[in-house]
Amino acid sequence: MKVIDRERGDCCGTAPSTWHASSFPGHDDWSMLGAGGCGATAVHVDSTPVRFDAQIPGALLSTLTWRNARGRTRNLKYVVDGRLERSVSLQGFFRLTPESADALAGLVDGNP
């Protein structure tokens, strides 16, 4: 998921007039991100749809690398025998390294 901007646009709908009204009625699908409800702002994103028909090979899973805003890189923790046993290392705001992003794009495109 890539954040395109953080500004309220026409697609966000009208600003709420009461606390009962939806904060961003044009983005109900993204309400689970807490936009407007937990101090977050509305975001416009460009993303790849979530797919459940493709598995990430265990060999690739253990090589995926992320980089945070400070430039520190990390790999997934809790990968055992090619399986992710705990998802806690996926939590947070990190960006895939270009190499990992290319590897995943190849998998999604059908070119592992």
PDB file of N, CA and C in Angstrom:
ATOM      1  N   MET A   1       0.853  -1.159   0.000  1.00  0.00           N
ATOM      2  CA  MET A   1       0.000   0.000   0.000  1.00  0.00           C
ATOM      3  C   MET A   1       0.902   1.225   0.000  1.00  0.00           C
ATOM      4  N   LYS A   2       0.610   2.176  -0.886  1.00  0.00           N
ATOM      5  CA  LYS A   2       1.387   3.399  -0.975  1.00  0.00           C
ATOM      6  C   LYS A   2       0.468   4.582  -0.696  1.00  0.00           C
ATOM      7  N   VAL A   3       0.849   5.421   0.258  1.00  0.00           N
ATOM      8  CA  VAL A   3       0.066   6.619   0.572  1.00  0.00           C
ATOM      9  C   VAL A   3       0.339   7.649  -0.509  1.00  0.00           C
ATOM     10  N   ILE A   4      -0.730   8.114  -1.149  1.00  0.00           N
ATOM     11  CA  ILE A   4      -0.598   9.120  -2.198  1.00  0.00           C
ATOM     12  C   ILE A   4      -0.650  10.512  -1.603  1.00  0.00           C
ATOM     13  N   ASP A   5      -1.591  10.763  -0.731  1.00  0.00           N
ATOM     14  CA  ASP A   5      -1.630  12.041  -0.015  1.00  0.00           C
ATOM     15  C   ASP A   5      -2.439  11.894   1.264  1.00  0.00           C
ATOM     16  N   ARG A   6      -2.377  12.936   2.094  1.00  0.00           N
ATOM     17  CA  ARG A   6      -3.064  12.919   3.379  1.00  0.00           C
ATOM     18  C   ARG A   6      -4.081  14.039   3.483  1.00  0.00           C
ATOM     19  N   GLU A   7      -4.437  14.627   2.377  1.00  0.00           N
ATOM     20  CA  GLU A   7      -5.361  15.755   2.377  1.00  0.00           C
ATOM     21  C   GLU A   7      -6.791  15.293   2.137  1.00  0.00           C
ATOM     22  N   ARG A   8      -7.739  15.978   2.726  1.00  0.00           N
ATOM     23  CA  ARG A   8      -9.144  15.676   2.506  1.00  0.00           C
ATOM     24  C   ARG A   8      -9.521  16.168   1.118  1.00  0.00           C
ATOM     25  N   GLY A   9     -10.087  15.287   0.303  1.00  0.00           N
ATOM     26  CA  GLY A   9     -10.483  15.639  -1.054  1.00  0.00           C
ATOM     27  C   GLY A   9     -11.978  15.500  -1.247  1.00  0.00           C
ATOM     28  N   ASP A  10     -12.448  15.797  -2.450  1.00  0.00           N
ATOM     29  CA  ASP A  10     -13.871  15.679  -2.754  1.00  0.00           C
ATOM     30  C   ASP A  10     -14.368  14.249  -2.551  1.00  0.00           C
ATOM     31  N   CYS A  11     -13.506  13.278  -2.825  1.00  0.00           N
ATOM     32  CA  CYS A  11     -13.911  11.874  -2.697  1.00  0.00           C
ATOM     33  C   CYS A  11     -14.124  11.453  -1.242  1.00  0.00           C
ATOM     34  N   CYS A  12     -13.665  12.259  -0.288  1.00  0.00           N
ATOM     35  CA  CYS A  12     -13.793  11.925   1.129  1.00  0.00           C
ATOM     36  C   CYS A  12     -15.202  12.169   1.657  1.00  0.00           C
ATOM     37  N   GLY A  13     -16.009  12.906   0.892  1.00  0.00           N
ATOM     38  CA  GLY A  13     -17.351  13.253   1.367  1.00  0.00           C
ATOM     39  C   GLY A  13     -17.308  14.511   2.211  1.00  0.00           C
ATOM     40  N   THR A  14     -18.459  14.918   2.664  1.00  0.00           N
ATOM     41  CA  THR A  14     -18.539  16.147   3.453  1.00  0.00           C
ATOM     42  C   THR A  14     -18.047  15.899   4.879  1.00  0.00           C
ATOM     43  N   ALA A  15     -17.514  16.935   5.464  1.00  0.00           N
ATOM     44  CA  ALA A  15     -17.043  16.844   6.852  1.00  0.00           C
ATOM     45  C   ALA A  15     -18.241  16.579   7.758  1.00  0.00           C
ATOM     46  N   PRO A  16     -18.053  15.820   8.819  1.00  0.00           N
ATOM     47  CA  PRO A  16     -19.180  15.500   9.698  1.00  0.00           C
ATOM     48  C   PRO A  16     -19.708  16.738  10.406  1.00  0.00           C
ATOM     49  N   SER A  17     -21.028  16.789  10.549  1.00  0.00           N
ATOM     50  CA  SER A  17     -21.634  17.920  11.259  1.00  0.00           C
ATOM     51  C   SER A  17     -21.888  17.584  12.723  1.00  0.00           C
ATOM     52  N   THR A  18     -21.934  16.282  13.044  1.00  0.00           N
ATOM     53  CA  THR A  18     -22.081  15.854  14.435  1.00  0.00           C
ATOM     54  C   THR A  18     -21.115  14.699  14.679  1.00  0.00           C
ATOM     55  N   TRP A  19     -20.923  14.347  15.921  1.00  0.00           N
ATOM     56  CA  TRP A  19     -20.006  13.243  16.215  1.00  0.00           C
ATOM     57  C   TRP A  19     -20.589  11.898  15.812  1.00  0.00           C
ATOM     58  N   HIS A  20     -21.896  11.837  15.558  1.00  0.00           N
ATOM     59  CA  HIS A  20     -22.515  10.590  15.104  1.00  0.00           C
ATOM     60  C   HIS A  20     -22.206  10.299  13.636  1.00  0.00           C
ATOM     61  N   ALA A  21     -21.937  11.332  12.866  1.00  0.00           N
ATOM     62  CA  ALA A  21     -21.732  11.178  11.422  1.00  0.00           C
ATOM     63  C   ALA A  21     -20.375  10.541  11.141  1.00  0.00           C
ATOM     64  N   SER A  22     -20.298   9.818  10.039  1.00  0.00           N
ATOM     65  CA  SER A  22     -19.042   9.206   9.613  1.00  0.00           C
ATOM     66  C   SER A  22     -18.026  10.292   9.288  1.00  0.00           C
ATOM     67  N   SER A  23     -16.792  10.098   9.713  1.00  0.00           N
ATOM     68  CA  SER A  23     -15.757  11.109   9.488  1.00  0.00           C
ATOM     69  C   SER A  23     -15.426  11.275   8.012  1.00  0.00           C
ATOM     70  N   PHE A  24     -15.360  10.179   7.283  1.00  0.00           N
ATOM     71  CA  PHE A  24     -15.003  10.206   5.873  1.00  0.00           C
ATOM     72  C   PHE A  24     -15.940   9.271   5.119  1.00  0.00           C
ATOM     73  N   PRO A  25     -17.179   9.690   4.861  1.00  0.00           N
ATOM     74  CA  PRO A  25     -18.170   8.784   4.270  1.00  0.00           C
ATOM     75  C   PRO A  25     -17.783   8.247   2.902  1.00  0.00           C
ATOM     76  N   GLY A  26     -16.895   8.916   2.193  1.00  0.00           N
ATOM     77  CA  GLY A  26     -16.464   8.422   0.891  1.00  0.00           C
ATOM     78  C   GLY A  26     -15.449   7.310   0.973  1.00  0.00           C
ATOM     79  N   HIS A  27     -14.949   7.020   2.173  1.00  0.00           N
ATOM     80  CA  HIS A  27     -13.902   6.004   2.342  1.00  0.00           C
ATOM     81  C   HIS A  27     -14.284   4.980   3.404  1.00  0.00           C
ATOM     82  N   ASP A  28     -15.526   4.526   3.367  1.00  0.00           N
ATOM     83  CA  ASP A  28     -15.970   3.564   4.374  1.00  0.00           C
ATOM     84  C   ASP A  28     -15.146   2.285   4.368  1.00  0.00           C
ATOM     85  N   ASP A  29     -14.626   1.888   3.188  1.00  0.00           N
ATOM     86  CA  ASP A  29     -13.826   0.666   3.119  1.00  0.00           C
ATOM     87  C   ASP A  29     -12.542   0.777   3.924  1.00  0.00           C
ATOM     88  N   TRP A  30     -12.063   2.001   4.157  1.00  0.00           N
ATOM     89  CA  TRP A  30     -10.808   2.203   4.877  1.00  0.00           C
ATOM     90  C   TRP A  30     -11.044   2.613   6.327  1.00  0.00           C
ATOM     91  N   SER A  31     -12.281   2.563   6.793  1.00  0.00           N
ATOM     92  CA  SER A  31     -12.572   3.024   8.150  1.00  0.00           C
ATOM     93  C   SER A  31     -11.844   2.203   9.204  1.00  0.00           C
ATOM     94  N   MET A  32     -11.493   0.957   8.880  1.00  0.00           N
ATOM     95  CA  MET A  32     -10.796   0.124   9.858  1.00  0.00           C
ATOM     96  C   MET A  32      -9.396   0.645  10.166  1.00  0.00           C
ATOM     97  N   LEU A  33      -8.881   1.557   9.336  1.00  0.00           N
ATOM     98  CA  LEU A  33      -7.579   2.145   9.612  1.00  0.00           C
ATOM     99  C   LEU A  33      -7.665   3.246  10.659  1.00  0.00           C
ATOM    100  N   GLY A  34      -8.883   3.617  11.053  1.00  0.00           N
ATOM    101  CA  GLY A  34      -9.056   4.609  12.098  1.00  0.00           C
ATOM    102  C   GLY A  34      -8.993   6.037  11.604  1.00  0.00           C
ATOM    103  N   ALA A  35      -9.140   6.260  10.303  1.00  0.00           N
ATOM    104  CA  ALA A  35      -9.037   7.614   9.764  1.00  0.00           C
ATOM    105  C   ALA A  35     -10.024   8.530  10.465  1.00  0.00           C
ATOM    106  N   GLY A  36      -9.530   9.569  11.085  1.00  0.00           N
ATOM    107  CA  GLY A  36     -10.362  10.549  11.750  1.00  0.00           C
ATOM    108  C   GLY A  36     -10.826  10.135  13.134  1.00  0.00           C
ATOM    109  N   GLY A  37     -10.745   8.866  13.471  1.00  0.00           N
ATOM    110  CA  GLY A  37     -11.256   8.410  14.753  1.00  0.00           C
ATOM    111  C   GLY A  37     -10.204   8.288  15.823  1.00  0.00           C
ATOM    112  N   CYS A  38      -8.967   8.068  15.444  1.00  0.00           N
ATOM    113  CA  CYS A  38      -7.897   7.861  16.420  1.00  0.00           C
ATOM    114  C   CYS A  38      -6.756   8.852  16.214  1.00  0.00           C
ATOM    115  N   GLY A  39      -7.079  10.009  15.675  1.00  0.00           N
ATOM    116  CA  GLY A  39      -6.042  11.003  15.437  1.00  0.00           C
ATOM    117  C   GLY A  39      -5.381  10.837  14.088  1.00  0.00           C
ATOM    118  N   ALA A  40      -5.788   9.849  13.304  1.00  0.00           N
ATOM    119  CA  ALA A  40      -5.222   9.661  11.974  1.00  0.00           C
ATOM    120  C   ALA A  40      -5.919  10.600  11.007  1.00  0.00           C
ATOM    121  N   THR A  41      -5.329  10.789   9.862  1.00  0.00           N
ATOM    122  CA  THR A  41      -5.944  11.610   8.834  1.00  0.00           C
ATOM    123  C   THR A  41      -6.374  10.726   7.684  1.00  0.00           C
ATOM    124  N   ALA A  42      -7.261  11.241   6.885  1.00  0.00           N
ATOM    125  CA  ALA A  42      -7.708  10.467   5.721  1.00  0.00           C
ATOM    126  C   ALA A  42      -6.547  10.294   4.762  1.00  0.00           C
ATOM    127  N   VAL A  43      -6.433   9.129   4.183  1.00  0.00           N
ATOM    128  CA  VAL A  43      -5.356   8.879   3.227  1.00  0.00           C
ATOM    129  C   VAL A  43      -5.948   8.362   1.933  1.00  0.00           C
ATOM    130  N   HIS A  44      -5.281   8.675   0.863  1.00  0.00           N
ATOM    131  CA  HIS A  44      -5.617   8.119  -0.434  1.00  0.00           C
ATOM    132  C   HIS A  44      -4.474   7.179  -0.785  1.00  0.00           C
ATOM    133  N   VAL A  45      -4.814   5.974  -1.169  1.00  0.00           N
ATOM    134  CA  VAL A  45      -3.787   4.965  -1.362  1.00  0.00           C
ATOM    135  C   VAL A  45      -3.873   4.338  -2.743  1.00  0.00           C
ATOM    136  N   ASP A  46      -2.747   3.813  -3.161  1.00  0.00           N
ATOM    137  CA  ASP A  46      -2.664   2.998  -4.353  1.00  0.00           C
ATOM    138  C   ASP A  46      -2.126   1.671  -3.848  1.00  0.00           C
ATOM    139  N   SER A  47      -2.858   0.602  -4.048  1.00  0.00           N
ATOM    140  CA  SER A  47      -2.419  -0.660  -3.470  1.00  0.00           C
ATOM    141  C   SER A  47      -2.737  -1.835  -4.379  1.00  0.00           C
ATOM    142  N   THR A  48      -2.047  -2.906  -4.117  1.00  0.00           N
ATOM    143  CA  THR A  48      -2.317  -4.164  -4.792  1.00  0.00           C
ATOM    144  C   THR A  48      -3.418  -4.868  -4.011  1.00  0.00           C
ATOM    145  N   PRO A  49      -4.438  -5.382  -4.692  1.00  0.00           N
ATOM    146  CA  PRO A  49      -5.511  -6.078  -3.956  1.00  0.00           C
ATOM    147  C   PRO A  49      -4.957  -7.268  -3.169  1.00  0.00           C
ATOM    148  N   VAL A  50      -5.565  -7.522  -2.034  1.00  0.00           N
ATOM    149  CA  VAL A  50      -5.183  -8.681  -1.229  1.00  0.00           C
ATOM    150  C   VAL A  50      -5.624  -9.934  -1.973  1.00  0.00           C
ATOM    151  N   ARG A  51      -4.718 -10.885  -2.073  1.00  0.00           N
ATOM    152  CA  ARG A  51      -5.030 -12.142  -2.759  1.00  0.00           C
ATOM    153  C   ARG A  51      -4.812 -13.301  -1.794  1.00  0.00           C
ATOM    154  N   PHE A  52      -5.674 -14.281  -1.907  1.00  0.00           N
ATOM    155  CA  PHE A  52      -5.544 -15.462  -1.058  1.00  0.00           C
ATOM    156  C   PHE A  52      -5.270 -16.711  -1.889  1.00  0.00           C
ATOM    157  N   ASP A  53      -5.018 -16.531  -3.186  1.00  0.00           N
ATOM    158  CA  ASP A  53      -4.806 -17.678  -4.060  1.00  0.00           C
ATOM    159  C   ASP A  53      -3.336 -17.923  -4.382  1.00  0.00           C
ATOM    160  N   ALA A  54      -2.441 -17.132  -3.821  1.00  0.00           N
ATOM    161  CA  ALA A  54      -1.009 -17.305  -4.084  1.00  0.00           C
ATOM    162  C   ALA A  54      -0.267 -17.412  -2.757  1.00  0.00           C
ATOM    163  N   GLN A  55       0.572 -18.416  -2.673  1.00  0.00           N
ATOM    164  CA  GLN A  55       1.379 -18.592  -1.466  1.00  0.00           C
ATOM    165  C   GLN A  55       2.779 -18.061  -1.711  1.00  0.00           C
ATOM    166  N   ILE A  56       3.367 -17.508  -0.681  1.00  0.00           N
ATOM    167  CA  ILE A  56       4.758 -17.069  -0.769  1.00  0.00           C
ATOM    168  C   ILE A  56       5.633 -18.264  -0.433  1.00  0.00           C
ATOM    169  N   PRO A  57       6.517 -18.654  -1.340  1.00  0.00           N
ATOM    170  CA  PRO A  57       7.402 -19.795  -1.047  1.00  0.00           C
ATOM    171  C   PRO A  57       8.228 -19.534   0.208  1.00  0.00           C
ATOM    172  N   GLY A  58       8.460 -20.572   0.984  1.00  0.00           N
ATOM    173  CA  GLY A  58       9.206 -20.439   2.229  1.00  0.00           C
ATOM    174  C   GLY A  58      10.586 -19.855   2.040  1.00  0.00           C
ATOM    175  N   ALA A  59      11.240 -20.204   0.925  1.00  0.00           N
ATOM    176  CA  ALA A  59      12.576 -19.666   0.665  1.00  0.00           C
ATOM    177  C   ALA A  59      12.526 -18.152   0.460  1.00  0.00           C
ATOM    178  N   LEU A  60      11.479 -17.668  -0.185  1.00  0.00           N
ATOM    179  CA  LEU A  60      11.327 -16.227  -0.392  1.00  0.00           C
ATOM    180  C   LEU A  60      10.921 -15.537   0.908  1.00  0.00           C
ATOM    181  N   LEU A  61      10.062 -16.166   1.677  1.00  0.00           N
ATOM    182  CA  LEU A  61       9.569 -15.588   2.921  1.00  0.00           C
ATOM    183  C   LEU A  61      10.717 -15.239   3.863  1.00  0.00           C
ATOM    184  N   SER A  62      11.694 -16.099   3.927  1.00  0.00           N
ATOM    185  CA  SER A  62      12.808 -15.856   4.849  1.00  0.00           C
ATOM    186  C   SER A  62      13.782 -14.798   4.348  1.00  0.00           C
ATOM    187  N   THR A  63      13.678 -14.379   3.077  1.00  0.00           N
ATOM    188  CA  THR A  63      14.591 -13.363   2.548  1.00  0.00           C
ATOM    189  C   THR A  63      13.972 -11.976   2.449  1.00  0.00           C
ATOM    190  N   LEU A  64      12.668 -11.853   2.682  1.00  0.00           N
ATOM    191  CA  LEU A  64      12.025 -10.546   2.579  1.00  0.00           C
ATOM    192  C   LEU A  64      12.619  -9.584   3.601  1.00  0.00           C
ATOM    193  N   THR A  65      12.884  -8.357   3.150  1.00  0.00           N
ATOM    194  CA  THR A  65      13.539  -7.368   3.993  1.00  0.00           C
ATOM    195  C   THR A  65      12.762  -6.055   3.929  1.00  0.00           C
ATOM    196  N   TRP A  66      12.616  -5.419   5.095  1.00  0.00           N
ATOM    197  CA  TRP A  66      11.926  -4.136   5.209  1.00  0.00           C
ATOM    198  C   TRP A  66      12.889  -3.085   5.715  1.00  0.00           C
ATOM    199  N   ARG A  67      12.582  -1.803   5.406  1.00  0.00           N
ATOM    200  CA  ARG A  67      13.382  -0.677   5.882  1.00  0.00           C
ATOM    201  C   ARG A  67      12.445   0.332   6.528  1.00  0.00           C
ATOM    202  N   ASN A  68      12.808   0.831   7.706  1.00  0.00           N
ATOM    203  CA  ASN A  68      11.966   1.829   8.365  1.00  0.00           C
ATOM    204  C   ASN A  68      12.420   3.232   7.965  1.00  0.00           C
ATOM    205  N   ALA A  69      11.779   4.250   8.510  1.00  0.00           N
ATOM    206  CA  ALA A  69      12.071   5.635   8.142  1.00  0.00           C
ATOM    207  C   ALA A  69      13.493   6.052   8.508  1.00  0.00           C
ATOM    208  N   ARG A  70      14.075   5.400   9.477  1.00  0.00           N
ATOM    209  CA  ARG A  70      15.442   5.723   9.892  1.00  0.00           C
ATOM    210  C   ARG A  70      16.496   4.979   9.076  1.00  0.00           C
ATOM    211  N   GLY A  71      16.043   4.153   8.146  1.00  0.00           N
ATOM    212  CA  GLY A  71      16.978   3.430   7.287  1.00  0.00           C
ATOM    213  C   GLY A  71      17.427   2.085   7.825  1.00  0.00           C
ATOM    214  N   ARG A  72      16.885   1.661   8.951  1.00  0.00           N
ATOM    215  CA  ARG A  72      17.249   0.361   9.520  1.00  0.00           C
ATOM    216  C   ARG A  72      16.469  -0.734   8.809  1.00  0.00           C
ATOM    217  N   THR A  73      17.132  -1.809   8.486  1.00  0.00           N
ATOM    218  CA  THR A  73      16.470  -2.918   7.798  1.00  0.00           C
ATOM    219  C   THR A  73      16.230  -4.061   8.772  1.00  0.00           C
ATOM    220  N   ARG A  74      15.241  -4.870   8.419  1.00  0.00           N
ATOM    221  CA  ARG A  74      14.960  -6.052   9.229  1.00  0.00           C
ATOM    222  C   ARG A  74      14.267  -7.101   8.367  1.00  0.00           C
ATOM    223  N   ASN A  75      14.385  -8.331   8.804  1.00  0.00           N
ATOM    224  CA  ASN A  75      13.716  -9.458   8.162  1.00  0.00           C
ATOM    225  C   ASN A  75      12.578  -9.903   9.064  1.00  0.00           C
ATOM    226  N   LEU A  76      11.768 -10.811   8.541  1.00  0.00           N
ATOM    227  CA  LEU A  76      10.699 -11.383   9.353  1.00  0.00           C
ATOM    228  C   LEU A  76      11.284 -12.232  10.468  1.00  0.00           C
ATOM    229  N   LYS A  77      10.675 -12.171  11.620  1.00  0.00           N
ATOM    230  CA  LYS A  77      11.022 -13.062  12.717  1.00  0.00           C
ATOM    231  C   LYS A  77      10.033 -14.217  12.707  1.00  0.00           C
ATOM    232  N   TYR A  78      10.357 -15.242  13.384  1.00  0.00           N
ATOM    233  CA  TYR A  78       9.473 -16.400  13.579  1.00  0.00           C
ATOM    234  C   TYR A  78       9.169 -17.149  12.282  1.00  0.00           C
ATOM    235  N   VAL A  79      10.125 -17.183  11.360  1.00  0.00           N
ATOM    236  CA  VAL A  79      10.000 -18.027  10.171  1.00  0.00           C
ATOM    237  C   VAL A  79      10.718 -19.325  10.488  1.00  0.00           C
ATOM    238  N   VAL A  80       9.948 -20.414  10.533  1.00  0.00           N
ATOM    239  CA  VAL A  80      10.501 -21.724  10.875  1.00  0.00           C
ATOM    240  C   VAL A  80      10.115 -22.701   9.776  1.00  0.00           C
ATOM    241  N   ASP A  81      11.109 -23.339   9.187  1.00  0.00           N
ATOM    242  CA  ASP A  81      10.887 -24.310   8.112  1.00  0.00           C
ATOM    243  C   ASP A  81      10.012 -23.733   6.997  1.00  0.00           C
ATOM    244  N   GLY A  82      10.262 -22.468   6.632  1.00  0.00           N
ATOM    245  CA  GLY A  82       9.532 -21.845   5.538  1.00  0.00           C
ATOM    246  C   GLY A  82       8.120 -21.408   5.867  1.00  0.00           C
ATOM    247  N   ARG A  83       7.761 -21.420   7.142  1.00  0.00           N
ATOM    248  CA  ARG A  83       6.410 -21.005   7.562  1.00  0.00           C
ATOM    249  C   ARG A  83       6.518 -19.876   8.573  1.00  0.00           C
ATOM    250  N   LEU A  84       5.626 -18.906   8.448  1.00  0.00           N
ATOM    251  CA  LEU A  84       5.560 -17.813   9.411  1.00  0.00           C
ATOM    252  C   LEU A  84       4.709 -18.268  10.578  1.00  0.00           C
ATOM    253  N   GLU A  85       5.331 -18.406  11.750  1.00  0.00           N
ATOM    254  CA  GLU A  85       4.608 -18.918  12.911  1.00  0.00           C
ATOM    255  C   GLU A  85       3.897 -17.830  13.705  1.00  0.00           C
ATOM    256  N   ARG A  86       4.408 -16.605  13.657  1.00  0.00           N
ATOM    257  CA  ARG A  86       3.776 -15.473  14.345  1.00  0.00           C
ATOM    258  C   ARG A  86       3.826 -14.258  13.421  1.00  0.00           C
ATOM    259  N   SER A  87       2.770 -13.470  13.426  1.00  0.00           N
ATOM    260  CA  SER A  87       2.712 -12.325  12.526  1.00  0.00           C
ATOM    261  C   SER A  87       3.163 -11.017  13.170  1.00  0.00           C
ATOM    262  N   VAL A  88       3.635 -11.068  14.404  1.00  0.00           N
ATOM    263  CA  VAL A  88       3.986  -9.848  15.124  1.00  0.00           C
ATOM    264  C   VAL A  88       5.070  -9.049  14.401  1.00  0.00           C
ATOM    265  N   SER A  89       5.974  -9.680  13.675  1.00  0.00           N
ATOM    266  CA  SER A  89       7.032  -8.936  12.995  1.00  0.00           C
ATOM    267  C   SER A  89       6.529  -8.240  11.729  1.00  0.00           C
ATOM    268  N   LEU A  90       5.263  -8.445  11.367  1.00  0.00           N
ATOM    269  CA  LEU A  90       4.662  -7.731  10.240  1.00  0.00           C
ATOM    270  C   LEU A  90       3.997  -6.438  10.680  1.00  0.00           C
ATOM    271  N   GLN A  91       3.907  -6.214  11.977  1.00  0.00           N
ATOM    272  CA  GLN A  91       3.222  -5.038  12.494  1.00  0.00           C
ATOM    273  C   GLN A  91       4.159  -3.835  12.482  1.00  0.00           C
ATOM    274  N   GLY A  92       3.616  -2.687  12.137  1.00  0.00           N
ATOM    275  CA  GLY A  92       4.411  -1.470  12.111  1.00  0.00           C
ATOM    276  C   GLY A  92       4.401  -0.851  10.729  1.00  0.00           C
ATOM    277  N   PHE A  93       5.107   0.261  10.605  1.00  0.00           N
ATOM    278  CA  PHE A  93       5.179   0.973   9.330  1.00  0.00           C
ATOM    279  C   PHE A  93       6.572   0.821   8.756  1.00  0.00           C
ATOM    280  N   PHE A  94       6.700  -0.085   7.825  1.00  0.00           N
ATOM    281  CA  PHE A  94       7.965  -0.357   7.180  1.00  0.00           C
ATOM    282  C   PHE A  94       7.746  -0.428   5.683  1.00  0.00           C
ATOM    283  N   ARG A  95       8.775  -0.179   4.931  1.00  0.00           N
ATOM    284  CA  ARG A  95       8.717  -0.241   3.475  1.00  0.00           C
ATOM    285  C   ARG A  95       9.598  -1.395   3.012  1.00  0.00           C
ATOM    286  N   LEU A  96       9.059  -2.187   2.101  1.00  0.00           N
ATOM    287  CA  LEU A  96       9.867  -3.261   1.535  1.00  0.00           C
ATOM    288  C   LEU A  96      11.074  -2.669   0.829  1.00  0.00           C
ATOM    289  N   THR A  97      12.201  -3.348   0.913  1.00  0.00           N
ATOM    290  CA  THR A  97      13.348  -2.925   0.127  1.00  0.00           C
ATOM    291  C   THR A  97      13.016  -3.166  -1.349  1.00  0.00           C
ATOM    292  N   PRO A  98      13.659  -2.451  -2.258  1.00  0.00           N
ATOM    293  CA  PRO A  98      13.360  -2.640  -3.683  1.00  0.00           C
ATOM    294  C   PRO A  98      13.506  -4.099  -4.148  1.00  0.00           C
ATOM    295  N   GLU A  99      14.494  -4.790  -3.627  1.00  0.00           N
ATOM    296  CA  GLU A  99      14.705  -6.187  -4.018  1.00  0.00           C
ATOM    297  C   GLU A  99      13.538  -7.072  -3.575  1.00  0.00           C
ATOM    298  N   SER A 100      13.076  -6.869  -2.347  1.00  0.00           N
ATOM    299  CA  SER A 100      11.946  -7.654  -1.841  1.00  0.00           C
ATOM    300  C   SER A 100      10.663  -7.295  -2.574  1.00  0.00           C
ATOM    301  N   ALA A 101      10.473  -6.004  -2.864  1.00  0.00           N
ATOM    302  CA  ALA A 101       9.283  -5.580  -3.604  1.00  0.00           C
ATOM    303  C   ALA A 101       9.274  -6.198  -4.994  1.00  0.00           C
ATOM    304  N   ASP A 102      10.438  -6.239  -5.654  1.00  0.00           N
ATOM    305  CA  ASP A 102      10.518  -6.851  -6.981  1.00  0.00           C
ATOM    306  C   ASP A 102      10.227  -8.342  -6.921  1.00  0.00           C
ATOM    307  N   ALA A 103      10.723  -9.013  -5.897  1.00  0.00           N
ATOM    308  CA  ALA A 103      10.479 -10.450  -5.746  1.00  0.00           C
ATOM    309  C   ALA A 103       8.985 -10.738  -5.552  1.00  0.00           C
ATOM    310  N   LEU A 104       8.319  -9.936  -4.718  1.00  0.00           N
ATOM    311  CA  LEU A 104       6.886 -10.122  -4.500  1.00  0.00           C
ATOM    312  C   LEU A 104       6.081  -9.750  -5.748  1.00  0.00           C
ATOM    313  N   ALA A 105       6.489  -8.713  -6.454  1.00  0.00           N
ATOM    314  CA  ALA A 105       5.799  -8.328  -7.687  1.00  0.00           C
ATOM    315  C   ALA A 105       5.898  -9.441  -8.712  1.00  0.00           C
ATOM    316  N   GLY A 106       7.054 -10.080  -8.802  1.00  0.00           N
ATOM    317  CA  GLY A 106       7.214 -11.198  -9.714  1.00  0.00           C
ATOM    318  C   GLY A 106       6.292 -12.362  -9.347  1.00  0.00           C
ATOM    319  N   LEU A 107       6.138 -12.600  -8.077  1.00  0.00           N
ATOM    320  CA  LEU A 107       5.247 -13.670  -7.608  1.00  0.00           C
ATOM    321  C   LEU A 107       3.798 -13.348  -7.944  1.00  0.00           C
ATOM    322  N   VAL A 108       3.384 -12.101  -7.721  1.00  0.00           N
ATOM    323  CA  VAL A 108       2.015 -11.695  -8.019  1.00  0.00           C
ATOM    324  C   VAL A 108       1.740 -11.754  -9.512  1.00  0.00           C
ATOM    325  N   ASP A 109       2.739 -11.358 -10.303  1.00  0.00           N
ATOM    326  CA  ASP A 109       2.590 -11.354 -11.757  1.00  0.00           C
ATOM    327  C   ASP A 109       2.711 -12.749 -12.365  1.00  0.00           C
ATOM    328  N   GLY A 110       3.061 -13.734 -11.534  1.00  0.00           N
ATOM    329  CA  GLY A 110       3.181 -15.102 -12.020  1.00  0.00           C
ATOM    330  C   GLY A 110       4.562 -15.454 -12.518  1.00  0.00           C
ATOM    331  N   ASN A 111       5.575 -14.667 -12.144  1.00  0.00           N
ATOM    332  CA  ASN A 111       6.951 -14.918 -12.542  1.00  0.00           C
ATOM    333  C   ASN A 111       7.839 -15.095 -11.317  1.00  0.00           C
ATOM    334  N   PRO A 112       7.687 -16.207 -10.603  1.00  0.00           N
ATOM    335  CA  PRO A 112       8.457 -16.371  -9.350  1.00  0.00           C
ATOM    336  C   PRO A 112       9.954 -16.451  -9.573  1.00  0.00           C
TER     337      PRO A 112
END
